[in-house]
């Protein structure tokens, strides 16, 4: 139960990190594009395409590696990158290439740490059937809560400061909280079901 709770908290934090900069990213890119709406839209759509391509390449590969070497490292990979990458965007003078690389890596690696490896970790902790269904339901409820809380925090920061880089700093800080949480509370789950039965 404690492992399932840690996975649910991991998912909530992970999705909050994913969604925290949705509004701020649009404003920052618009500023970097000189207020050109068409150029902003092109940048966002192009980088979204690269996010999809990166996920297409990474998800099956890293999912298989987590089946072999364990879940914990791959659960930590997204939030660890985001703690560093988004803090750099917030502190440095941002540029379109920096924002593009951070956008692609943040979304792709957080997807690996979230729905890809996270759902596998839930399966590790659950018996097939009803137990798995209930645990996955709870897991994706935490996902939905993150979808609500992340943009709310990001929008509030943007409204209060008017500075999109502050939202990136908040995203980096939230990712750091997730790293610390996972290091303390989240054990390796691969093979856990067999250990519990034994």
N, C-alpha and C. Protein backbone atom coordinates (compact mmCIF):
# COMPACT_ATOMS: atom_id res chain seq x y z
N UNK A 1 0.82 -1.21 0.00
CA UNK A 1 0.00 0.00 0.00
C UNK A 1 0.85 1.26 0.00
N UNK A 2 1.96 1.25 0.76
CA UNK A 2 2.82 2.42 0.81
C UNK A 2 3.48 2.67 -0.55
N UNK A 3 3.84 1.58 -1.24
CA UNK A 3 4.44 1.72 -2.57
C UNK A 3 3.43 2.29 -3.56
N UNK A 4 2.20 1.81 -3.50
CA UNK A 4 1.15 2.33 -4.38
C UNK A 4 0.89 3.80 -4.10
N UNK A 5 0.87 4.18 -2.84
CA UNK A 5 0.70 5.59 -2.49
C UNK A 5 1.84 6.44 -3.02
N UNK A 6 3.06 5.94 -2.92
CA UNK A 6 4.22 6.67 -3.45
C UNK A 6 4.13 6.82 -4.96
N UNK A 7 3.66 5.78 -5.64
CA UNK A 7 3.50 5.85 -7.10
C UNK A 7 2.42 6.86 -7.48
N UNK A 8 1.34 6.91 -6.71
CA UNK A 8 0.28 7.90 -6.98
C UNK A 8 0.79 9.33 -6.77
N UNK A 9 1.56 9.53 -5.72
CA UNK A 9 2.14 10.87 -5.48
C UNK A 9 3.14 11.22 -6.58
N UNK A 10 3.93 10.23 -6.98
CA UNK A 10 4.87 10.43 -8.09
C UNK A 10 4.13 10.89 -9.34
N UNK A 11 3.03 10.23 -9.65
CA UNK A 11 2.27 10.58 -10.85
C UNK A 11 1.68 11.97 -10.74
N UNK A 12 1.12 12.31 -9.59
CA UNK A 12 0.57 13.65 -9.39
C UNK A 12 1.65 14.72 -9.61
N UNK A 13 2.81 14.52 -9.01
CA UNK A 13 3.89 15.49 -9.17
C UNK A 13 4.39 15.52 -10.61
N UNK A 14 4.51 14.35 -11.22
CA UNK A 14 5.02 14.24 -12.58
C UNK A 14 4.13 15.01 -13.56
N UNK A 15 2.82 14.81 -13.46
CA UNK A 15 1.90 15.49 -14.37
C UNK A 15 1.82 16.98 -14.05
N UNK A 16 1.93 17.33 -12.78
CA UNK A 16 1.97 18.76 -12.42
C UNK A 16 3.17 19.44 -13.07
N UNK A 17 4.31 18.75 -13.06
CA UNK A 17 5.51 19.29 -13.71
C UNK A 17 5.28 19.43 -15.21
N UNK A 18 4.69 18.40 -15.82
CA UNK A 18 4.43 18.44 -17.27
C UNK A 18 3.61 19.66 -17.64
N UNK A 19 2.56 19.94 -16.88
CA UNK A 19 1.56 20.93 -17.28
C UNK A 19 1.78 22.33 -16.70
N UNK A 20 2.76 22.47 -15.82
CA UNK A 20 2.90 23.74 -15.09
C UNK A 20 3.24 24.92 -16.01
N UNK A 21 3.95 24.67 -17.09
CA UNK A 21 4.40 25.77 -17.96
C UNK A 21 3.59 25.91 -19.25
N UNK A 22 2.41 25.33 -19.30
CA UNK A 22 1.63 25.38 -20.55
C UNK A 22 1.39 26.83 -20.99
N UNK A 23 0.89 27.68 -20.08
CA UNK A 23 0.63 29.07 -20.44
C UNK A 23 1.92 29.87 -20.58
N UNK A 24 2.86 29.64 -19.66
CA UNK A 24 4.11 30.41 -19.66
C UNK A 24 4.93 30.13 -20.91
N UNK A 25 4.90 28.89 -21.37
CA UNK A 25 5.68 28.54 -22.56
C UNK A 25 5.18 29.29 -23.79
N UNK A 26 3.87 29.40 -23.91
CA UNK A 26 3.31 30.15 -25.04
C UNK A 26 3.73 31.61 -24.98
N UNK A 27 3.65 32.21 -23.79
CA UNK A 27 4.04 33.62 -23.65
C UNK A 27 5.52 33.81 -23.94
N UNK A 28 6.36 32.91 -23.40
CA UNK A 28 7.80 33.04 -23.61
C UNK A 28 8.16 32.91 -25.08
N UNK A 29 7.59 31.93 -25.75
CA UNK A 29 7.88 31.73 -27.18
C UNK A 29 7.38 32.93 -27.99
N UNK A 30 6.22 33.45 -27.63
CA UNK A 30 5.69 34.63 -28.33
C UNK A 30 6.65 35.81 -28.19
N UNK A 31 7.17 36.00 -26.99
CA UNK A 31 8.14 37.07 -26.78
C UNK A 31 9.40 36.85 -27.60
N UNK A 32 9.90 35.62 -27.62
CA UNK A 32 11.12 35.31 -28.37
C UNK A 32 10.91 35.42 -29.87
N UNK A 33 9.66 35.25 -30.31
CA UNK A 33 9.33 35.38 -31.73
C UNK A 33 8.92 36.81 -32.09
N UNK A 34 9.13 37.74 -31.17
CA UNK A 34 8.83 39.15 -31.43
C UNK A 34 7.36 39.44 -31.57
N UNK A 35 6.52 38.64 -30.93
CA UNK A 35 5.07 38.85 -31.00
C UNK A 35 4.43 38.32 -32.26
N UNK A 36 5.18 37.62 -33.09
CA UNK A 36 4.67 37.07 -34.36
C UNK A 36 3.87 35.80 -34.06
N UNK A 37 2.56 35.87 -34.18
CA UNK A 37 1.69 34.73 -33.83
C UNK A 37 1.92 33.54 -34.75
N UNK A 38 2.13 33.80 -36.04
CA UNK A 38 2.33 32.71 -36.98
C UNK A 38 3.64 31.98 -36.69
N UNK A 39 4.69 32.74 -36.40
CA UNK A 39 5.98 32.11 -36.08
C UNK A 39 5.91 31.34 -34.77
N UNK A 40 5.17 31.88 -33.80
CA UNK A 40 4.97 31.18 -32.53
C UNK A 40 4.25 29.86 -32.75
N UNK A 41 3.18 29.89 -33.52
CA UNK A 41 2.41 28.67 -33.79
C UNK A 41 3.27 27.64 -34.51
N UNK A 42 4.09 28.08 -35.47
CA UNK A 42 4.97 27.17 -36.19
C UNK A 42 5.98 26.52 -35.26
N UNK A 43 6.56 27.33 -34.37
CA UNK A 43 7.53 26.80 -33.41
C UNK A 43 6.89 25.74 -32.50
N UNK A 44 5.72 26.08 -31.95
CA UNK A 44 5.07 25.15 -31.01
C UNK A 44 4.63 23.87 -31.71
N UNK A 45 4.11 23.98 -32.92
CA UNK A 45 3.66 22.78 -33.63
C UNK A 45 4.84 21.92 -34.06
N UNK A 46 5.93 22.56 -34.48
CA UNK A 46 7.12 21.80 -34.89
C UNK A 46 7.74 21.06 -33.71
N UNK A 47 7.88 21.77 -32.59
CA UNK A 47 8.46 21.10 -31.42
C UNK A 47 7.53 20.02 -30.88
N UNK A 48 6.21 20.21 -30.99
CA UNK A 48 5.28 19.15 -30.59
C UNK A 48 5.48 17.91 -31.45
N UNK A 49 5.74 18.11 -32.74
CA UNK A 49 6.04 16.99 -33.62
C UNK A 49 7.29 16.25 -33.19
N UNK A 50 8.32 17.01 -32.81
CA UNK A 50 9.55 16.38 -32.34
C UNK A 50 9.34 15.66 -31.00
N UNK A 51 8.45 16.20 -30.16
CA UNK A 51 8.10 15.49 -28.91
C UNK A 51 7.51 14.12 -29.25
N UNK A 52 6.55 14.10 -30.18
CA UNK A 52 5.94 12.84 -30.58
C UNK A 52 6.94 11.87 -31.16
N UNK A 53 7.84 12.35 -32.01
CA UNK A 53 8.87 11.49 -32.60
C UNK A 53 9.81 10.94 -31.54
N UNK A 54 10.22 11.80 -30.62
CA UNK A 54 11.12 11.37 -29.54
C UNK A 54 10.44 10.32 -28.67
N UNK A 55 9.17 10.54 -28.33
CA UNK A 55 8.45 9.55 -27.54
C UNK A 55 8.30 8.23 -28.30
N UNK A 56 8.04 8.32 -29.60
CA UNK A 56 7.92 7.12 -30.43
C UNK A 56 9.20 6.29 -30.37
N UNK A 57 10.35 6.96 -30.34
CA UNK A 57 11.62 6.26 -30.31
C UNK A 57 11.99 5.80 -28.89
N UNK A 58 11.71 6.63 -27.90
CA UNK A 58 12.15 6.34 -26.53
C UNK A 58 11.26 5.37 -25.78
N UNK A 59 9.94 5.53 -25.91
CA UNK A 59 9.02 4.79 -25.04
C UNK A 59 9.20 3.27 -25.12
N UNK A 60 9.21 2.66 -26.31
CA UNK A 60 9.38 1.20 -26.35
C UNK A 60 10.75 0.76 -25.85
N UNK A 61 11.78 1.53 -26.21
CA UNK A 61 13.15 1.16 -25.83
C UNK A 61 13.35 1.24 -24.32
N UNK A 62 12.98 2.38 -23.73
CA UNK A 62 13.17 2.55 -22.29
C UNK A 62 12.20 1.68 -21.50
N UNK A 63 11.02 1.43 -22.06
CA UNK A 63 10.09 0.50 -21.40
C UNK A 63 10.69 -0.90 -21.30
N UNK A 64 11.31 -1.36 -22.38
CA UNK A 64 11.95 -2.68 -22.35
C UNK A 64 13.14 -2.70 -21.40
N UNK A 65 13.92 -1.63 -21.40
CA UNK A 65 15.05 -1.56 -20.47
C UNK A 65 14.58 -1.60 -19.01
N UNK A 66 13.43 -0.95 -18.73
CA UNK A 66 12.91 -0.99 -17.36
C UNK A 66 12.43 -2.39 -17.00
N UNK A 67 11.97 -3.16 -17.99
CA UNK A 67 11.60 -4.56 -17.73
C UNK A 67 12.81 -5.39 -17.35
N UNK A 68 13.96 -4.99 -17.84
CA UNK A 68 15.17 -5.77 -17.59
C UNK A 68 15.95 -5.30 -16.38
N UNK A 69 16.09 -3.97 -16.25
CA UNK A 69 16.99 -3.42 -15.24
C UNK A 69 16.26 -2.78 -14.05
N UNK A 70 14.94 -2.68 -14.11
CA UNK A 70 14.19 -2.11 -12.99
C UNK A 70 13.55 -0.79 -13.35
N UNK A 71 12.54 -0.41 -12.56
CA UNK A 71 11.72 0.77 -12.86
C UNK A 71 12.29 2.07 -12.28
N UNK A 72 12.98 1.98 -11.15
CA UNK A 72 13.26 3.18 -10.35
C UNK A 72 14.06 4.23 -11.12
N UNK A 73 15.11 3.80 -11.80
CA UNK A 73 15.92 4.75 -12.56
C UNK A 73 15.07 5.48 -13.59
N UNK A 74 14.21 4.76 -14.27
CA UNK A 74 13.41 5.36 -15.35
C UNK A 74 12.27 6.21 -14.80
N UNK A 75 11.81 5.91 -13.59
CA UNK A 75 10.84 6.78 -12.93
C UNK A 75 11.47 8.12 -12.55
N UNK A 76 12.78 8.10 -12.30
CA UNK A 76 13.48 9.31 -11.87
C UNK A 76 14.02 10.15 -13.03
N UNK A 77 14.11 9.57 -14.21
CA UNK A 77 14.83 10.24 -15.30
C UNK A 77 14.16 11.55 -15.74
N UNK A 78 12.83 11.55 -15.81
CA UNK A 78 12.13 12.74 -16.28
C UNK A 78 12.22 13.90 -15.31
N UNK A 79 11.92 13.64 -14.03
CA UNK A 79 11.93 14.73 -13.05
C UNK A 79 13.35 15.22 -12.80
N UNK A 80 14.34 14.34 -12.90
CA UNK A 80 15.73 14.76 -12.71
C UNK A 80 16.13 15.73 -13.82
N UNK A 81 15.80 15.37 -15.08
CA UNK A 81 16.11 16.30 -16.17
C UNK A 81 15.38 17.63 -15.95
N UNK A 82 14.09 17.56 -15.62
CA UNK A 82 13.29 18.79 -15.50
C UNK A 82 13.79 19.70 -14.38
N UNK A 83 14.28 19.11 -13.30
CA UNK A 83 14.80 19.93 -12.22
C UNK A 83 15.98 20.76 -12.70
N UNK A 84 16.79 20.20 -13.59
CA UNK A 84 17.96 20.92 -14.11
C UNK A 84 17.57 21.79 -15.31
N UNK A 85 16.93 21.19 -16.32
CA UNK A 85 16.66 21.88 -17.57
C UNK A 85 15.77 23.10 -17.42
N UNK A 86 14.71 22.97 -16.65
CA UNK A 86 13.78 24.09 -16.51
C UNK A 86 14.33 25.19 -15.62
N UNK A 87 15.16 24.81 -14.65
CA UNK A 87 15.82 25.83 -13.84
C UNK A 87 16.77 26.65 -14.70
N UNK A 88 17.46 26.00 -15.64
CA UNK A 88 18.36 26.71 -16.54
C UNK A 88 17.58 27.68 -17.44
N UNK A 89 16.42 27.24 -17.94
CA UNK A 89 15.60 28.13 -18.77
C UNK A 89 15.17 29.35 -17.95
N UNK A 90 14.84 29.12 -16.67
CA UNK A 90 14.41 30.22 -15.82
C UNK A 90 15.53 31.19 -15.47
N UNK A 91 16.77 30.66 -15.35
CA UNK A 91 17.87 31.50 -14.89
C UNK A 91 18.66 32.14 -16.03
N UNK A 92 18.81 31.42 -17.14
CA UNK A 92 19.61 31.93 -18.25
C UNK A 92 18.76 32.83 -19.15
N UNK A 93 19.45 33.55 -20.02
CA UNK A 93 18.75 34.32 -21.03
C UNK A 93 18.17 33.33 -22.04
N UNK A 94 16.86 33.15 -22.09
CA UNK A 94 16.30 32.09 -22.94
C UNK A 94 16.43 32.43 -24.42
N UNK A 95 16.52 31.37 -25.22
CA UNK A 95 16.56 31.50 -26.67
C UNK A 95 15.64 30.43 -27.24
N UNK A 96 15.25 30.58 -28.48
CA UNK A 96 14.37 29.57 -29.10
C UNK A 96 15.00 28.18 -29.12
N UNK A 97 16.30 28.04 -29.47
CA UNK A 97 16.89 26.69 -29.42
C UNK A 97 16.85 26.08 -28.02
N UNK A 98 17.14 26.88 -26.99
CA UNK A 98 17.11 26.37 -25.61
C UNK A 98 15.70 25.93 -25.23
N UNK A 99 14.72 26.75 -25.55
CA UNK A 99 13.33 26.41 -25.23
C UNK A 99 12.89 25.18 -26.01
N UNK A 100 13.32 25.06 -27.26
CA UNK A 100 12.94 23.91 -28.08
C UNK A 100 13.49 22.61 -27.50
N UNK A 101 14.78 22.60 -27.18
CA UNK A 101 15.39 21.39 -26.61
C UNK A 101 14.74 21.04 -25.28
N UNK A 102 14.52 22.06 -24.44
CA UNK A 102 13.89 21.79 -23.14
C UNK A 102 12.47 21.29 -23.29
N UNK A 103 11.72 21.84 -24.24
CA UNK A 103 10.33 21.40 -24.47
C UNK A 103 10.29 19.94 -24.89
N UNK A 104 11.15 19.57 -25.83
CA UNK A 104 11.15 18.19 -26.33
C UNK A 104 11.57 17.21 -25.23
N UNK A 105 12.69 17.52 -24.55
CA UNK A 105 13.19 16.60 -23.53
C UNK A 105 12.27 16.52 -22.32
N UNK A 106 11.73 17.68 -21.89
CA UNK A 106 10.84 17.66 -20.73
C UNK A 106 9.62 16.78 -20.98
N UNK A 107 8.93 17.02 -22.08
CA UNK A 107 7.71 16.27 -22.36
C UNK A 107 8.01 14.79 -22.60
N UNK A 108 9.05 14.50 -23.38
CA UNK A 108 9.34 13.10 -23.72
C UNK A 108 9.79 12.31 -22.50
N UNK A 109 10.71 12.87 -21.71
CA UNK A 109 11.22 12.13 -20.55
C UNK A 109 10.19 12.02 -19.44
N UNK A 110 9.36 13.05 -19.28
CA UNK A 110 8.30 12.95 -18.27
C UNK A 110 7.24 11.92 -18.67
N UNK A 111 7.02 11.74 -19.97
CA UNK A 111 6.11 10.69 -20.42
C UNK A 111 6.67 9.32 -20.07
N UNK A 112 7.98 9.14 -20.28
CA UNK A 112 8.62 7.88 -19.90
C UNK A 112 8.45 7.65 -18.41
N UNK A 113 8.74 8.68 -17.60
CA UNK A 113 8.66 8.55 -16.14
C UNK A 113 7.24 8.40 -15.64
N UNK A 114 6.29 8.86 -16.45
CA UNK A 114 4.90 8.84 -16.02
C UNK A 114 4.14 7.64 -16.53
N UNK A 115 3.43 7.83 -17.62
CA UNK A 115 2.50 6.79 -18.07
C UNK A 115 3.19 5.51 -18.52
N UNK A 116 4.39 5.60 -19.09
CA UNK A 116 5.05 4.40 -19.62
C UNK A 116 5.54 3.50 -18.50
N UNK A 117 6.50 3.99 -17.71
CA UNK A 117 7.10 3.16 -16.66
C UNK A 117 6.22 3.16 -15.41
N UNK A 118 5.51 4.27 -15.17
CA UNK A 118 4.64 4.32 -13.98
C UNK A 118 3.55 3.28 -14.01
N UNK A 119 2.90 3.11 -15.16
CA UNK A 119 1.84 2.10 -15.23
C UNK A 119 2.42 0.69 -15.12
N UNK A 120 3.65 0.50 -15.61
CA UNK A 120 4.31 -0.81 -15.44
C UNK A 120 4.61 -1.06 -13.97
N UNK A 121 5.02 -0.01 -13.26
CA UNK A 121 5.30 -0.16 -11.83
C UNK A 121 4.03 -0.49 -11.04
N UNK A 122 2.91 0.11 -11.44
CA UNK A 122 1.63 -0.22 -10.80
C UNK A 122 1.32 -1.70 -11.02
N UNK A 123 1.55 -2.19 -12.23
CA UNK A 123 1.33 -3.60 -12.53
C UNK A 123 2.22 -4.50 -11.68
N UNK A 124 3.46 -4.04 -11.43
CA UNK A 124 4.38 -4.82 -10.58
C UNK A 124 3.82 -5.03 -9.18
N UNK A 125 3.05 -4.05 -8.70
CA UNK A 125 2.56 -4.07 -7.32
C UNK A 125 1.17 -4.69 -7.18
N UNK A 126 0.60 -5.14 -8.29
CA UNK A 126 -0.81 -5.55 -8.27
C UNK A 126 -0.98 -6.98 -8.74
N UNK A 127 -1.96 -7.64 -8.17
CA UNK A 127 -2.38 -8.94 -8.71
C UNK A 127 -3.26 -8.69 -9.93
N UNK A 128 -3.18 -9.56 -10.92
CA UNK A 128 -4.02 -9.37 -12.11
C UNK A 128 -5.50 -9.34 -11.74
N UNK A 129 -6.28 -8.67 -12.56
CA UNK A 129 -7.72 -8.66 -12.34
C UNK A 129 -8.18 -7.42 -11.62
N UNK A 130 -9.03 -7.62 -10.61
CA UNK A 130 -9.67 -6.50 -9.92
C UNK A 130 -8.64 -5.61 -9.25
N UNK A 131 -7.64 -6.21 -8.59
CA UNK A 131 -6.63 -5.43 -7.89
C UNK A 131 -5.91 -4.49 -8.84
N UNK A 132 -5.52 -4.98 -10.01
CA UNK A 132 -4.84 -4.15 -10.99
C UNK A 132 -5.75 -3.04 -11.50
N UNK A 133 -7.00 -3.35 -11.75
CA UNK A 133 -7.95 -2.34 -12.24
C UNK A 133 -8.14 -1.22 -11.24
N UNK A 134 -8.30 -1.57 -9.97
CA UNK A 134 -8.49 -0.56 -8.92
C UNK A 134 -7.25 0.30 -8.78
N UNK A 135 -6.07 -0.33 -8.78
CA UNK A 135 -4.83 0.41 -8.60
C UNK A 135 -4.55 1.33 -9.79
N UNK A 136 -4.83 0.87 -11.00
CA UNK A 136 -4.66 1.72 -12.17
C UNK A 136 -5.66 2.89 -12.15
N UNK A 137 -6.88 2.62 -11.67
CA UNK A 137 -7.86 3.70 -11.54
C UNK A 137 -7.38 4.78 -10.60
N UNK A 138 -6.82 4.37 -9.46
CA UNK A 138 -6.29 5.34 -8.50
C UNK A 138 -5.09 6.09 -9.08
N UNK A 139 -4.26 5.36 -9.79
CA UNK A 139 -3.07 5.96 -10.42
C UNK A 139 -3.47 7.05 -11.41
N UNK A 140 -4.44 6.76 -12.27
CA UNK A 140 -4.83 7.74 -13.28
C UNK A 140 -5.72 8.84 -12.70
N UNK A 141 -6.31 8.61 -11.53
CA UNK A 141 -6.96 9.72 -10.82
C UNK A 141 -5.93 10.74 -10.36
N UNK A 142 -4.77 10.25 -9.90
CA UNK A 142 -3.67 11.15 -9.53
C UNK A 142 -3.17 11.90 -10.75
N UNK A 143 -3.16 11.23 -11.89
CA UNK A 143 -2.81 11.85 -13.16
C UNK A 143 -3.75 13.02 -13.45
N UNK A 144 -5.06 12.77 -13.32
CA UNK A 144 -6.04 13.82 -13.59
C UNK A 144 -5.91 14.99 -12.64
N UNK A 145 -5.59 14.72 -11.37
CA UNK A 145 -5.41 15.80 -10.40
C UNK A 145 -4.23 16.68 -10.79
N UNK A 146 -3.17 16.05 -11.29
CA UNK A 146 -2.02 16.82 -11.75
C UNK A 146 -2.35 17.71 -12.93
N UNK A 147 -3.23 17.24 -13.82
CA UNK A 147 -3.66 18.04 -14.97
C UNK A 147 -4.39 19.30 -14.51
N UNK A 148 -5.08 19.21 -13.38
CA UNK A 148 -5.79 20.37 -12.84
C UNK A 148 -4.83 21.31 -12.10
N UNK A 149 -3.99 20.74 -11.24
CA UNK A 149 -3.16 21.56 -10.34
C UNK A 149 -2.02 22.24 -11.09
N UNK A 150 -1.35 21.53 -12.00
CA UNK A 150 -0.20 22.09 -12.70
C UNK A 150 -0.50 23.40 -13.42
N UNK A 151 -1.48 23.41 -14.34
CA UNK A 151 -1.80 24.66 -15.04
C UNK A 151 -2.32 25.75 -14.10
N UNK A 152 -3.01 25.35 -13.03
CA UNK A 152 -3.51 26.35 -12.08
C UNK A 152 -2.35 27.08 -11.40
N UNK A 153 -1.35 26.32 -10.98
CA UNK A 153 -0.17 26.95 -10.36
C UNK A 153 0.58 27.81 -11.36
N UNK A 154 0.79 27.25 -12.57
CA UNK A 154 1.51 28.01 -13.59
C UNK A 154 0.78 29.29 -13.97
N UNK A 155 -0.53 29.21 -14.12
CA UNK A 155 -1.32 30.40 -14.46
C UNK A 155 -1.28 31.43 -13.36
N UNK A 156 -1.34 30.98 -12.10
CA UNK A 156 -1.30 31.90 -10.96
C UNK A 156 0.04 32.62 -10.92
N UNK A 157 1.13 31.89 -11.12
CA UNK A 157 2.46 32.51 -11.12
C UNK A 157 2.58 33.53 -12.24
N UNK A 158 2.09 33.16 -13.42
CA UNK A 158 2.17 34.06 -14.57
C UNK A 158 1.34 35.33 -14.33
N UNK A 159 0.15 35.16 -13.73
CA UNK A 159 -0.70 36.31 -13.45
C UNK A 159 -0.09 37.23 -12.40
N UNK A 160 0.57 36.64 -11.41
CA UNK A 160 1.16 37.44 -10.33
C UNK A 160 2.44 38.15 -10.76
N UNK A 161 3.27 37.49 -11.59
CA UNK A 161 4.58 38.04 -11.92
C UNK A 161 4.66 38.63 -13.32
N UNK A 162 3.85 38.11 -14.24
CA UNK A 162 3.96 38.52 -15.63
C UNK A 162 5.21 38.03 -16.32
N UNK A 163 5.99 37.20 -15.62
CA UNK A 163 7.28 36.74 -16.13
C UNK A 163 7.22 35.22 -16.34
N UNK A 164 7.23 34.75 -17.60
CA UNK A 164 7.12 33.31 -17.82
C UNK A 164 8.30 32.52 -17.26
N UNK A 165 9.45 33.16 -17.11
CA UNK A 165 10.60 32.44 -16.57
C UNK A 165 10.40 32.02 -15.12
N UNK A 166 9.55 32.76 -14.40
CA UNK A 166 9.26 32.36 -13.02
C UNK A 166 8.52 31.03 -12.98
N UNK A 167 7.67 30.78 -13.97
CA UNK A 167 6.97 29.50 -14.04
C UNK A 167 7.95 28.36 -14.31
N UNK A 168 8.98 28.63 -15.12
CA UNK A 168 9.99 27.61 -15.35
C UNK A 168 10.77 27.30 -14.08
N UNK A 169 11.06 28.33 -13.30
CA UNK A 169 11.73 28.10 -12.01
C UNK A 169 10.85 27.28 -11.08
N UNK A 170 9.55 27.58 -11.08
CA UNK A 170 8.62 26.79 -10.26
C UNK A 170 8.55 25.35 -10.75
N UNK A 171 8.58 25.18 -12.07
CA UNK A 171 8.58 23.82 -12.63
C UNK A 171 9.83 23.06 -12.20
N UNK A 172 10.99 23.72 -12.26
CA UNK A 172 12.21 23.08 -11.81
C UNK A 172 12.16 22.72 -10.33
N UNK A 173 11.59 23.61 -9.52
CA UNK A 173 11.49 23.35 -8.07
C UNK A 173 10.53 22.19 -7.80
N UNK A 174 9.41 22.16 -8.51
CA UNK A 174 8.46 21.05 -8.34
C UNK A 174 9.08 19.73 -8.76
N UNK A 175 9.86 19.75 -9.84
CA UNK A 175 10.55 18.54 -10.28
C UNK A 175 11.57 18.09 -9.23
N UNK A 176 12.24 19.04 -8.58
CA UNK A 176 13.19 18.68 -7.52
C UNK A 176 12.47 18.03 -6.35
N UNK A 177 11.29 18.56 -6.00
CA UNK A 177 10.48 17.93 -4.95
C UNK A 177 10.15 16.49 -5.34
N UNK A 178 9.81 16.28 -6.62
CA UNK A 178 9.50 14.93 -7.08
C UNK A 178 10.72 14.01 -6.98
N UNK A 179 11.90 14.52 -7.34
CA UNK A 179 13.13 13.72 -7.22
C UNK A 179 13.35 13.30 -5.78
N UNK A 180 13.25 14.26 -4.86
CA UNK A 180 13.48 13.97 -3.44
C UNK A 180 12.45 12.97 -2.94
N UNK A 181 11.18 13.19 -3.30
CA UNK A 181 10.12 12.26 -2.90
C UNK A 181 10.42 10.85 -3.38
N UNK A 182 10.79 10.71 -4.65
CA UNK A 182 11.00 9.39 -5.22
C UNK A 182 12.21 8.70 -4.61
N UNK A 183 13.26 9.46 -4.33
CA UNK A 183 14.45 8.87 -3.72
C UNK A 183 14.15 8.35 -2.32
N UNK A 184 13.28 9.05 -1.60
CA UNK A 184 12.98 8.66 -0.22
C UNK A 184 11.91 7.57 -0.14
N UNK A 185 10.84 7.71 -0.92
CA UNK A 185 9.66 6.88 -0.70
C UNK A 185 9.41 5.81 -1.76
N UNK A 186 10.06 5.90 -2.91
CA UNK A 186 9.71 5.02 -4.01
C UNK A 186 10.75 3.90 -4.15
N UNK A 187 10.39 2.67 -3.79
CA UNK A 187 11.34 1.56 -3.93
C UNK A 187 11.33 1.00 -5.36
N UNK A 188 12.24 0.11 -5.62
CA UNK A 188 12.20 -0.64 -6.88
C UNK A 188 10.99 -1.57 -6.85
N UNK A 189 10.22 -1.57 -7.94
CA UNK A 189 9.00 -2.38 -7.97
C UNK A 189 9.12 -3.62 -8.85
N UNK A 190 10.13 -3.70 -9.70
CA UNK A 190 10.25 -4.85 -10.59
C UNK A 190 10.45 -6.11 -9.76
N UNK A 191 9.58 -7.08 -9.95
CA UNK A 191 9.65 -8.32 -9.18
C UNK A 191 9.00 -8.25 -7.82
N UNK A 192 8.38 -7.11 -7.49
CA UNK A 192 7.80 -6.94 -6.16
C UNK A 192 6.64 -7.90 -5.92
N UNK A 193 5.80 -8.14 -6.94
CA UNK A 193 4.65 -9.02 -6.78
C UNK A 193 5.10 -10.42 -6.40
N UNK A 194 6.17 -10.91 -7.04
CA UNK A 194 6.68 -12.25 -6.73
C UNK A 194 7.26 -12.29 -5.32
N UNK A 195 7.93 -11.21 -4.90
CA UNK A 195 8.48 -11.17 -3.54
C UNK A 195 7.37 -11.19 -2.51
N UNK A 196 6.28 -10.44 -2.76
CA UNK A 196 5.16 -10.41 -1.82
C UNK A 196 4.52 -11.78 -1.70
N UNK A 197 4.42 -12.48 -2.82
CA UNK A 197 3.82 -13.82 -2.79
C UNK A 197 4.73 -14.80 -2.07
N UNK A 198 6.05 -14.61 -2.23
CA UNK A 198 7.00 -15.50 -1.59
C UNK A 198 7.05 -15.30 -0.10
